[in-house]
Amino acid sequence: MPRMVPIQYLLRLIEEDSPFGDITSDAVIPDCTCRAVIRAEQDGIIAGIGEASALFEHFGVVTGPGKQDGDPVLPHDTVLSLEGSAKGILLVERTALNIIGRMSGIATQTRKLVDRVSSVNSRCRIAATRKTSPGFRALDKKAVQLGGGDPHRMSLSNGILIKDNHLVLVPLEDAIRAAKAVSAYRMIEVEVETPYDALIAAKEGADIILLDNMTPHRVQETLAGLKRADLRDRVVIELSGGIDETSLPEYAALDVDVISMGVLTHTVKNFSVTLEILPHTR
């Protein structure tokens, strides 16, 4: 299970929504307790339950039985039960629903694409990119993991990835050699656009070669060249760029290890969830 996002990170989201408190609830709601539930309004993979629970509990609300992150859900399923401060529930409500809605949308889409890839190539992984919502990356990446995908690197500080704009400034061979000189303990990934550059990158000792914006035929040509040079098994092959749900199976059927897709996080269809305050029972 992916790690919980720290409460300090989550509290910044509450501060954004209520920088000077919830003036409506403060004006009209007495200090009282109530019960509430969060329900799914569609089917998919639920995510963000851990983070929503942490926020509610921080503001004096007890969370009860529901669903776990990564569980499949159906419409009307209760994903989280709440009991405690009414003002606390109303304060956290929208932020919690935003977290669950976005994360579940990402997890659901990721699971769908992971299943499509697995049906044709069980060895190939689906990975995210850094095309995430600003300030929301930790949640976006965790949601990808809950959907069965690979988060890829979290930031520029987490991995060496030599891209096209680096190679405008530094020759390919020099860039790889400089990266290898920095540390013997870091993987080095290189983005290339031609079979020739893929071969050079493999010969120079790159660990991961990202084939960017290549057609399936071009990918096959690149793989064949690496095999002829006895280099294919020495590198991880990643594909990226222009791959969508329709073309995904054709690419996955090739001898590749990873397919990274910005669509997992940059074009998110929010998952629909709702919070209902339950009436008091006599």
C-alpha atoms as a PDB file:
ATOM      1  CA  MET A   1       0.000   0.000   0.000  1.00  0.00           C
ATOM      2  CA  PRO A   2       1.434   3.456  -0.881  1.00  0.00           C
ATOM      3  CA  ARG A   3       2.393   5.664   2.054  1.00  0.00           C
ATOM      4  CA  MET A   4      -0.031   8.174   3.573  1.00  0.00           C
ATOM      5  CA  VAL A   5       0.428  11.776   2.503  1.00  0.00           C
ATOM      6  CA  PRO A   6       1.539  13.807   5.593  1.00  0.00           C
ATOM      7  CA  ILE A   7      -1.170  15.707   7.477  1.00  0.00           C
ATOM      8  CA  GLN A   8       0.793  18.964   7.124  1.00  0.00           C
ATOM      9  CA  TYR A   9       0.455  18.654   3.340  1.00  0.00           C
ATOM     10  CA  LEU A  10      -3.289  18.043   3.631  1.00  0.00           C
ATOM     11  CA  LEU A  11      -3.879  20.924   6.045  1.00  0.00           C
ATOM     12  CA  ARG A  12      -2.616  23.350   3.395  1.00  0.00           C
ATOM     13  CA  LEU A  13      -5.621  22.309   1.303  1.00  0.00           C
ATOM     14  CA  ILE A  14      -7.988  23.111   4.184  1.00  0.00           C
ATOM     15  CA  GLU A  15      -6.290  26.488   4.647  1.00  0.00           C
ATOM     16  CA  GLU A  16      -6.809  27.245   0.957  1.00  0.00           C
ATOM     17  CA  ASP A  17     -10.552  26.572   1.314  1.00  0.00           C
ATOM     18  CA  SER A  18     -11.015  28.329   4.679  1.00  0.00           C
ATOM     19  CA  PRO A  19      -8.220  30.866   5.241  1.00  0.00           C
ATOM     20  CA  PHE A  20     -10.288  32.676   7.906  1.00  0.00           C
ATOM     21  CA  GLY A  21     -12.564  29.809   8.975  1.00  0.00           C
ATOM     22  CA  ASP A  22     -15.949  28.594   7.732  1.00  0.00           C
ATOM     23  CA  ILE A  23     -17.963  31.758   8.334  1.00  0.00           C
ATOM     24  CA  THR A  24     -21.274  30.190   7.246  1.00  0.00           C
ATOM     25  CA  SER A  25     -21.117  27.269   9.678  1.00  0.00           C
ATOM     26  CA  ASP A  26     -19.775  29.524  12.426  1.00  0.00           C
ATOM     27  CA  ALA A  27     -22.770  31.810  11.927  1.00  0.00           C
ATOM     28  CA  VAL A  28     -25.618  29.297  11.700  1.00  0.00           C
ATOM     29  CA  ILE A  29     -24.542  25.922  13.147  1.00  0.00           C
ATOM     30  CA  PRO A  30     -24.457  25.413  16.937  1.00  0.00           C
ATOM     31  CA  ASP A  31     -21.728  23.389  18.591  1.00  0.00           C
ATOM     32  CA  CYS A  32     -23.222  19.929  18.110  1.00  0.00           C
ATOM     33  CA  THR A  33     -22.413  16.486  16.833  1.00  0.00           C
ATOM     34  CA  CYS A  34     -23.915  14.560  13.938  1.00  0.00           C
ATOM     35  CA  ARG A  35     -23.391  11.558  11.717  1.00  0.00           C
ATOM     36  CA  ALA A  36     -22.675  11.581   7.990  1.00  0.00           C
ATOM     37  CA  VAL A  37     -21.631   9.263   5.177  1.00  0.00           C
ATOM     38  CA  ILE A  38     -19.666   9.681   1.978  1.00  0.00           C
ATOM     39  CA  ARG A  39     -21.113   7.609  -0.852  1.00  0.00           C
ATOM     40  CA  ALA A  40     -19.881   6.711  -4.321  1.00  0.00           C
ATOM     41  CA  GLU A  41     -22.120   7.760  -7.193  1.00  0.00           C
ATOM     42  CA  GLN A  42     -20.508   5.571  -9.844  1.00  0.00           C
ATOM     43  CA  ASP A  43     -18.462   2.403 -10.163  1.00  0.00           C
ATOM     44  CA  GLY A  44     -14.680   2.422 -10.139  1.00  0.00           C
ATOM     45  CA  ILE A  45     -11.653   2.254  -7.861  1.00  0.00           C
ATOM     46  CA  ILE A  46     -11.861   4.343  -4.707  1.00  0.00           C
ATOM     47  CA  ALA A  47      -8.848   6.326  -3.511  1.00  0.00           C
ATOM     48  CA  GLY A  48      -8.119   9.135  -1.069  1.00  0.00           C
ATOM     49  CA  ILE A  49      -9.952   7.496   1.841  1.00  0.00           C
ATOM     50  CA  GLY A  50      -6.839   7.536   4.015  1.00  0.00           C
ATOM     51  CA  GLU A  51      -6.206  11.231   3.414  1.00  0.00           C
ATOM     52  CA  ALA A  52      -9.869  12.214   3.877  1.00  0.00           C
ATOM     53  CA  SER A  53     -10.023  10.231   7.114  1.00  0.00           C
ATOM     54  CA  ALA A  54      -6.892  11.924   8.442  1.00  0.00           C
ATOM     55  CA  LEU A  55      -8.375  15.360   7.790  1.00  0.00           C
ATOM     56  CA  PHE A  56     -11.714  14.576   9.418  1.00  0.00           C
ATOM     57  CA  GLU A  57     -10.017  13.069  12.464  1.00  0.00           C
ATOM     58  CA  HIS A  58      -7.751  16.119  12.792  1.00  0.00           C
ATOM     59  CA  PHE A  59     -10.898  18.214  13.236  1.00  0.00           C
ATOM     60  CA  GLY A  60     -12.547  15.982  15.817  1.00  0.00           C
ATOM     61  CA  VAL A  61     -14.543  13.652  13.599  1.00  0.00           C
ATOM     62  CA  VAL A  62     -14.425   9.880  14.119  1.00  0.00           C
ATOM     63  CA  THR A  63     -14.275   7.879  10.881  1.00  0.00           C
ATOM     64  CA  GLY A  64     -15.940   4.497  10.719  1.00  0.00           C
ATOM     65  CA  PRO A  65     -16.469   1.516   8.433  1.00  0.00           C
ATOM     66  CA  GLY A  66     -16.487   2.030   4.703  1.00  0.00           C
ATOM     67  CA  LYS A  67     -14.042   1.185   1.935  1.00  0.00           C
ATOM     68  CA  GLN A  68     -10.267   0.946   1.800  1.00  0.00           C
ATOM     69  CA  ASP A  69      -8.064   2.742  -0.711  1.00  0.00           C
ATOM     70  CA  GLY A  70      -7.865   0.665  -3.872  1.00  0.00           C
ATOM     71  CA  ASP A  71     -11.194  -1.114  -3.338  1.00  0.00           C
ATOM     72  CA  PRO A  72     -13.661  -1.430  -6.228  1.00  0.00           C
ATOM     73  CA  VAL A  73     -16.946   0.361  -5.518  1.00  0.00           C
ATOM     74  CA  LEU A  74     -20.437   0.590  -6.987  1.00  0.00           C
ATOM     75  CA  PRO A  75     -22.977   3.433  -7.002  1.00  0.00           C
ATOM     76  CA  HIS A  76     -24.484   4.109  -3.542  1.00  0.00           C
ATOM     77  CA  ASP A  77     -21.682   2.279  -1.723  1.00  0.00           C
ATOM     78  CA  THR A  78     -20.700   3.962   1.548  1.00  0.00           C
ATOM     79  CA  VAL A  79     -16.998   4.664   1.295  1.00  0.00           C
ATOM     80  CA  LEU A  80     -16.601   6.480   4.632  1.00  0.00           C
ATOM     81  CA  SER A  81     -18.759   6.908   7.758  1.00  0.00           C
ATOM     82  CA  LEU A  82     -18.386   9.977   9.969  1.00  0.00           C
ATOM     83  CA  GLU A  83     -19.467  10.945  13.471  1.00  0.00           C
ATOM     84  CA  GLY A  84     -18.490  13.965  15.511  1.00  0.00           C
ATOM     85  CA  SER A  85     -18.358  17.735  15.332  1.00  0.00           C
ATOM     86  CA  ALA A  86     -20.852  19.036  12.778  1.00  0.00           C
ATOM     87  CA  LYS A  87     -18.667  22.074  12.159  1.00  0.00           C
ATOM     88  CA  GLY A  88     -15.661  19.802  11.625  1.00  0.00           C
ATOM     89  CA  ILE A  89     -17.535  17.718   9.060  1.00  0.00           C
ATOM     90  CA  LEU A  90     -18.714  20.798   7.161  1.00  0.00           C
ATOM     91  CA  LEU A  91     -15.253  22.385   7.281  1.00  0.00           C
ATOM     92  CA  VAL A  92     -13.555  19.355   5.737  1.00  0.00           C
ATOM     93  CA  GLU A  93     -16.393  18.261   3.427  1.00  0.00           C
ATOM     94  CA  ARG A  94     -15.431  19.875   0.131  1.00  0.00           C
ATOM     95  CA  THR A  95     -11.687  19.326   0.488  1.00  0.00           C
ATOM     96  CA  ALA A  96     -12.259  15.639   1.331  1.00  0.00           C
ATOM     97  CA  LEU A  97     -14.622  15.180  -1.611  1.00  0.00           C
ATOM     98  CA  ASN A  98     -12.159  16.926  -3.934  1.00  0.00           C
ATOM     99  CA  ILE A  99      -9.364  14.608  -2.787  1.00  0.00           C
ATOM    100  CA  ILE A 100     -11.449  11.447  -3.096  1.00  0.00           C
ATOM    101  CA  GLY A 101     -12.965  12.542  -6.412  1.00  0.00           C
ATOM    102  CA  ARG A 102      -9.685  13.369  -8.120  1.00  0.00           C
ATOM    103  CA  MET A 103      -7.720  10.450  -6.700  1.00  0.00           C
ATOM    104  CA  SER A 104     -10.484   7.953  -7.482  1.00  0.00           C
ATOM    105  CA  GLY A 105     -10.748   9.300 -11.030  1.00  0.00           C
ATOM    106  CA  ILE A 106      -7.013   8.732 -11.516  1.00  0.00           C
ATOM    107  CA  ALA A 107      -7.073   5.296  -9.864  1.00  0.00           C
ATOM    108  CA  THR A 108     -10.059   4.205 -11.935  1.00  0.00           C
ATOM    109  CA  GLN A 109      -8.521   5.314 -15.229  1.00  0.00           C
ATOM    110  CA  THR A 110      -5.172   3.770 -14.296  1.00  0.00           C
ATOM    111  CA  ARG A 111      -6.761   0.416 -13.433  1.00  0.00           C
ATOM    112  CA  LYS A 112      -8.620   0.399 -16.747  1.00  0.00           C
ATOM    113  CA  LEU A 113      -5.406   0.963 -18.721  1.00  0.00           C
ATOM    114  CA  VAL A 114      -3.378  -1.460 -16.589  1.00  0.00           C
ATOM    115  CA  ASP A 115      -5.953  -4.167 -17.314  1.00  0.00           C
ATOM    116  CA  ARG A 116      -5.786  -3.424 -21.055  1.00  0.00           C
ATOM    117  CA  VAL A 117      -2.009  -3.741 -21.057  1.00  0.00           C
ATOM    118  CA  SER A 118      -1.980  -6.875 -18.891  1.00  0.00           C
ATOM    119  CA  SER A 119      -4.291  -8.635 -21.323  1.00  0.00           C
ATOM    120  CA  VAL A 120      -1.622  -8.466 -24.039  1.00  0.00           C
ATOM    121  CA  ASN A 121       1.664  -8.194 -22.094  1.00  0.00           C
ATOM    122  CA  SER A 122       1.720  -9.128 -18.412  1.00  0.00           C
ATOM    123  CA  ARG A 123       5.332  -7.917 -18.104  1.00  0.00           C
ATOM    124  CA  CYS A 124       4.655  -4.353 -19.237  1.00  0.00           C
ATOM    125  CA  ARG A 125       3.928  -1.669 -16.628  1.00  0.00           C
ATOM    126  CA  ILE A 126       1.893   1.522 -16.936  1.00  0.00           C
ATOM    127  CA  ALA A 127       3.595   4.581 -15.400  1.00  0.00           C
ATOM    128  CA  ALA A 128       2.661   8.160 -14.618  1.00  0.00           C
ATOM    129  CA  THR A 129       4.599  11.299 -15.583  1.00  0.00           C
ATOM    130  CA  ARG A 130       5.248  14.673 -13.925  1.00  0.00           C
ATOM    131  CA  LYS A 131       2.182  16.086 -15.718  1.00  0.00           C
ATOM    132  CA  THR A 132       0.308  16.456 -12.446  1.00  0.00           C
ATOM    133  CA  SER A 133      -1.804  19.191 -10.897  1.00  0.00           C
ATOM    134  CA  PRO A 134       0.480  21.756  -9.174  1.00  0.00           C
ATOM    135  CA  GLY A 135       0.478  21.200  -5.421  1.00  0.00           C
ATOM    136  CA  PHE A 136      -1.347  17.881  -5.784  1.00  0.00           C
ATOM    137  CA  ARG A 137       1.460  15.663  -7.060  1.00  0.00           C
ATOM    138  CA  ALA A 138       1.822  13.427  -4.013  1.00  0.00           C
ATOM    139  CA  LEU A 139      -1.900  12.630  -4.185  1.00  0.00           C
ATOM    140  CA  ASP A 140      -1.897  12.179  -7.967  1.00  0.00           C
ATOM    141  CA  LYS A 141       1.035   9.778  -7.842  1.00  0.00           C
ATOM    142  CA  LYS A 142      -0.437   7.791  -4.950  1.00  0.00           C
ATOM    143  CA  ALA A 143      -3.693   7.450  -6.881  1.00  0.00           C
ATOM    144  CA  VAL A 144      -1.789   5.976  -9.837  1.00  0.00           C
ATOM    145  CA  GLN A 145      -0.263   3.386  -7.511  1.00  0.00           C
ATOM    146  CA  LEU A 146      -3.674   2.527  -6.043  1.00  0.00           C
ATOM    147  CA  GLY A 147      -4.870   1.905  -9.600  1.00  0.00           C
ATOM    148  CA  GLY A 148      -2.011  -0.543 -10.163  1.00  0.00           C
ATOM    149  CA  GLY A 149       0.323   1.806 -12.029  1.00  0.00           C
ATOM    150  CA  ASP A 150       3.903   2.900 -11.421  1.00  0.00           C
ATOM    151  CA  PRO A 151       4.394   6.453 -10.069  1.00  0.00           C
ATOM    152  CA  HIS A 152       7.674   7.007 -12.012  1.00  0.00           C
ATOM    153  CA  ARG A 153       9.929   9.681 -10.500  1.00  0.00           C
ATOM    154  CA  MET A 154       8.258  12.030  -8.023  1.00  0.00           C
ATOM    155  CA  SER A 155      10.317  15.098  -8.913  1.00  0.00           C
ATOM    156  CA  LEU A 156      13.441  16.342 -10.671  1.00  0.00           C
ATOM    157  CA  SER A 157      15.354  15.345  -7.529  1.00  0.00           C
ATOM    158  CA  ASN A 158      14.313  11.688  -7.649  1.00  0.00           C
ATOM    159  CA  GLY A 159      15.892  10.406 -10.826  1.00  0.00           C
ATOM    160  CA  ILE A 160      18.179  11.258 -13.728  1.00  0.00           C
ATOM    161  CA  LEU A 161      16.221  11.575 -16.955  1.00  0.00           C
ATOM    162  CA  ILE A 162      18.123  13.149 -19.852  1.00  0.00           C
ATOM    163  CA  LYS A 163      15.533  14.686 -22.170  1.00  0.00           C
ATOM    164  CA  ASP A 164      15.520  16.381 -25.573  1.00  0.00           C
ATOM    165  CA  ASN A 165      16.153  19.871 -24.211  1.00  0.00           C
ATOM    166  CA  HIS A 166      19.203  18.630 -22.316  1.00  0.00           C
ATOM    167  CA  LEU A 167      20.507  17.140 -25.552  1.00  0.00           C
ATOM    168  CA  VAL A 168      20.134  20.432 -27.400  1.00  0.00           C
ATOM    169  CA  LEU A 169      22.784  21.767 -25.028  1.00  0.00           C
ATOM    170  CA  VAL A 170      24.983  18.690 -24.489  1.00  0.00           C
ATOM    171  CA  PRO A 171      25.807  15.814 -26.904  1.00  0.00           C
ATOM    172  CA  LEU A 172      24.176  12.485 -26.027  1.00  0.00           C
ATOM    173  CA  GLU A 173      27.396  10.641 -25.228  1.00  0.00           C
ATOM    174  CA  ASP A 174      28.722  13.487 -23.060  1.00  0.00           C
ATOM    175  CA  ALA A 175      25.438  13.765 -21.169  1.00  0.00           C
ATOM    176  CA  ILE A 176      25.385  10.061 -20.261  1.00  0.00           C
ATOM    177  CA  ARG A 177      29.037  10.050 -19.226  1.00  0.00           C
ATOM    178  CA  ALA A 178      28.521  13.134 -17.035  1.00  0.00           C
ATOM    179  CA  ALA A 179      25.466  11.584 -15.409  1.00  0.00           C
ATOM    180  CA  LYS A 180      27.303   8.320 -14.714  1.00  0.00           C
ATOM    181  CA  ALA A 181      30.161  10.272 -13.137  1.00  0.00           C
ATOM    182  CA  VAL A 182      27.827  11.842 -10.580  1.00  0.00           C
ATOM    183  CA  SER A 183      26.960   8.556  -8.854  1.00  0.00           C
ATOM    184  CA  ALA A 184      27.293   4.836  -9.362  1.00  0.00           C
ATOM    185  CA  TYR A 185      24.068   4.275  -7.416  1.00  0.00           C
ATOM    186  CA  ARG A 186      21.551   6.151  -9.581  1.00  0.00           C
ATOM    187  CA  MET A 187      19.733   4.775 -12.588  1.00  0.00           C
ATOM    188  CA  ILE A 188      20.210   6.826 -15.733  1.00  0.00           C
ATOM    189  CA  GLU A 189      17.329   7.231 -18.158  1.00  0.00           C
ATOM    190  CA  VAL A 190      17.679   8.805 -21.594  1.00  0.00           C
ATOM    191  CA  GLU A 191      14.940  10.009 -23.920  1.00  0.00           C
ATOM    192  CA  VAL A 192      15.629   9.317 -27.605  1.00  0.00           C
ATOM    193  CA  GLU A 193      13.678   9.752 -30.828  1.00  0.00           C
ATOM    194  CA  THR A 194      15.624   7.542 -33.260  1.00  0.00           C
ATOM    195  CA  PRO A 195      16.862   3.930 -33.340  1.00  0.00           C
ATOM    196  CA  TYR A 196      20.416   5.217 -33.812  1.00  0.00           C
ATOM    197  CA  ASP A 197      20.318   7.309 -30.609  1.00  0.00           C
ATOM    198  CA  ALA A 198      18.814   4.372 -28.709  1.00  0.00           C
ATOM    199  CA  LEU A 199      21.779   2.249 -29.747  1.00  0.00           C
ATOM    200  CA  ILE A 200      24.249   4.955 -28.699  1.00  0.00           C
ATOM    201  CA  ALA A 201      22.513   5.358 -25.336  1.00  0.00           C
ATOM    202  CA  ALA A 202      22.656   1.616 -24.672  1.00  0.00           C
ATOM    203  CA  LYS A 203      26.331   1.421 -25.653  1.00  0.00           C
ATOM    204  CA  GLU A 204      27.144   4.327 -23.320  1.00  0.00           C
ATOM    205  CA  GLY A 205      25.548   2.494 -20.389  1.00  0.00           C
ATOM    206  CA  ALA A 206      22.105   4.062 -19.968  1.00  0.00           C
ATOM    207  CA  ASP A 207      19.904   1.941 -17.702  1.00  0.00           C
ATOM    208  CA  ILE A 208      16.541   3.006 -19.140  1.00  0.00           C
ATOM    209  CA  ILE A 209      15.870   4.157 -22.688  1.00  0.00           C
ATOM    210  CA  LEU A 210      12.698   6.136 -23.276  1.00  0.00           C
ATOM    211  CA  LEU A 211      11.525   5.885 -26.887  1.00  0.00           C
ATOM    212  CA  ASP A 212       9.642   9.134 -27.400  1.00  0.00           C
ATOM    213  CA  ASN A 213       6.887   9.690 -29.966  1.00  0.00           C
ATOM    214  CA  MET A 214       7.759   6.603 -32.006  1.00  0.00           C
ATOM    215  CA  THR A 215       5.304   4.634 -34.126  1.00  0.00           C
ATOM    216  CA  PRO A 216       4.971   0.915 -33.345  1.00  0.00           C
ATOM    217  CA  HIS A 217       6.983   0.170 -36.492  1.00  0.00           C
ATOM    218  CA  ARG A 218       9.756   2.512 -35.321  1.00  0.00           C
ATOM    219  CA  VAL A 219       9.770   0.878 -31.896  1.00  0.00           C
ATOM    220  CA  GLN A 220      10.145  -2.539 -33.532  1.00  0.00           C
ATOM    221  CA  GLU A 221      13.038  -1.236 -35.614  1.00  0.00           C
ATOM    222  CA  THR A 222      14.726   0.113 -32.479  1.00  0.00           C
ATOM    223  CA  LEU A 223      14.266  -3.142 -30.562  1.00  0.00           C
ATOM    224  CA  ALA A 224      15.654  -5.145 -33.470  1.00  0.00           C
ATOM    225  CA  GLY A 225      18.762  -2.957 -33.555  1.00  0.00           C
ATOM    226  CA  LEU A 226      19.338  -3.387 -29.831  1.00  0.00           C
ATOM    227  CA  LYS A 227      18.927  -7.167 -30.128  1.00  0.00           C
ATOM    228  CA  ARG A 228      21.398  -7.374 -33.003  1.00  0.00           C
ATOM    229  CA  ALA A 229      23.921  -5.511 -30.849  1.00  0.00           C
ATOM    230  CA  ASP A 230      23.164  -7.844 -27.915  1.00  0.00           C
ATOM    231  CA  LEU A 231      22.066  -4.827 -25.837  1.00  0.00           C
ATOM    232  CA  ARG A 232      18.310  -5.311 -25.464  1.00  0.00           C
ATOM    233  CA  ASP A 233      18.527  -7.272 -22.212  1.00  0.00           C
ATOM    234  CA  ARG A 234      20.841  -4.685 -20.650  1.00  0.00           C
ATOM    235  CA  VAL A 235      18.283  -1.875 -20.680  1.00  0.00           C
ATOM    236  CA  VAL A 236      14.705  -1.151 -19.655  1.00  0.00           C
ATOM    237  CA  ILE A 237      12.641   0.071 -22.599  1.00  0.00           C
ATOM    238  CA  GLU A 238      10.037   2.728 -21.877  1.00  0.00           C
ATOM    239  CA  LEU A 239       7.595   4.230 -24.367  1.00  0.00           C
ATOM    240  CA  SER A 240       5.988   7.644 -24.130  1.00  0.00           C
ATOM    241  CA  GLY A 241       4.342  10.313 -26.227  1.00  0.00           C
ATOM    242  CA  GLY A 242       1.087  10.209 -28.153  1.00  0.00           C
ATOM    243  CA  ILE A 243      -0.076   6.858 -26.773  1.00  0.00           C
ATOM    244  CA  ASP A 244      -3.765   6.784 -25.902  1.00  0.00           C
ATOM    245  CA  GLU A 245      -6.286   4.160 -24.853  1.00  0.00           C
ATOM    246  CA  THR A 246      -6.922   3.151 -28.469  1.00  0.00           C
ATOM    247  CA  SER A 247      -3.293   2.636 -29.482  1.00  0.00           C
ATOM    248  CA  LEU A 248      -2.155   1.280 -26.105  1.00  0.00           C
ATOM    249  CA  PRO A 249      -2.669  -2.468 -26.843  1.00  0.00           C
ATOM    250  CA  GLU A 250      -0.628  -2.252 -30.058  1.00  0.00           C
ATOM    251  CA  TYR A 251       2.306  -0.706 -28.200  1.00  0.00           C
ATOM    252  CA  ALA A 252       1.948  -3.026 -25.194  1.00  0.00           C
ATOM    253  CA  ALA A 253       2.173  -6.077 -27.457  1.00  0.00           C
ATOM    254  CA  LEU A 254       5.763  -5.123 -28.322  1.00  0.00           C
ATOM    255  CA  ASP A 255       8.799  -6.247 -26.310  1.00  0.00           C
ATOM    256  CA  VAL A 256       8.704  -3.217 -23.989  1.00  0.00           C
ATOM    257  CA  ASP A 257       8.860  -2.848 -20.228  1.00  0.00           C
ATOM    258  CA  VAL A 258       7.080   0.404 -19.381  1.00  0.00           C
ATOM    259  CA  ILE A 259       4.575   2.728 -21.035  1.00  0.00           C
ATOM    260  CA  SER A 260       4.329   6.150 -19.390  1.00  0.00           C
ATOM    261  CA  MET A 261       1.195   8.182 -20.013  1.00  0.00           C
ATOM    262  CA  GLY A 262       0.545  11.790 -19.041  1.00  0.00           C
ATOM    263  CA  VAL A 263      -3.168  11.168 -19.594  1.00  0.00           C
ATOM    264  CA  LEU A 264      -3.305   9.353 -16.249  1.00  0.00           C
ATOM    265  CA  THR A 265      -2.988  12.667 -14.395  1.00  0.00           C
ATOM    266  CA  HIS A 266      -3.249  15.618 -16.794  1.00  0.00           C
ATOM    267  CA  THR A 267      -6.703  14.785 -18.132  1.00  0.00           C
ATOM    268  CA  VAL A 268      -8.630  13.543 -15.132  1.00  0.00           C
ATOM    269  CA  LYS A 269     -12.346  12.784 -15.145  1.00  0.00           C
ATOM    270  CA  ASN A 270     -13.423  13.364 -11.568  1.00  0.00           C
ATOM    271  CA  PHE A 271     -15.023  10.428  -9.770  1.00  0.00           C
ATOM    272  CA  SER A 272     -18.404  11.385  -8.336  1.00  0.00           C
ATOM    273  CA  VAL A 273     -18.842  11.133  -4.568  1.00  0.00           C
ATOM    274  CA  THR A 274     -21.246  12.893  -2.216  1.00  0.00           C
ATOM    275  CA  LEU A 275     -21.451  13.602   1.524  1.00  0.00           C
ATOM    276  CA  GLU A 276     -24.818  13.354   3.281  1.00  0.00           C
ATOM    277  CA  ILE A 277     -25.555  14.516   6.817  1.00  0.00           C
ATOM    278  CA  LEU A 278     -27.811  11.876   8.349  1.00  0.00           C
ATOM    279  CA  PRO A 279     -30.998  12.935  10.163  1.00  0.00           C
ATOM    280  CA  HIS A 280     -31.116  12.541  13.927  1.00  0.00           C
ATOM    281  CA  THR A 281     -32.991   9.453  15.060  1.00  0.00           C
ATOM    282  CA  ARG A 282     -35.236   9.584  18.116  1.00  0.00           C
END
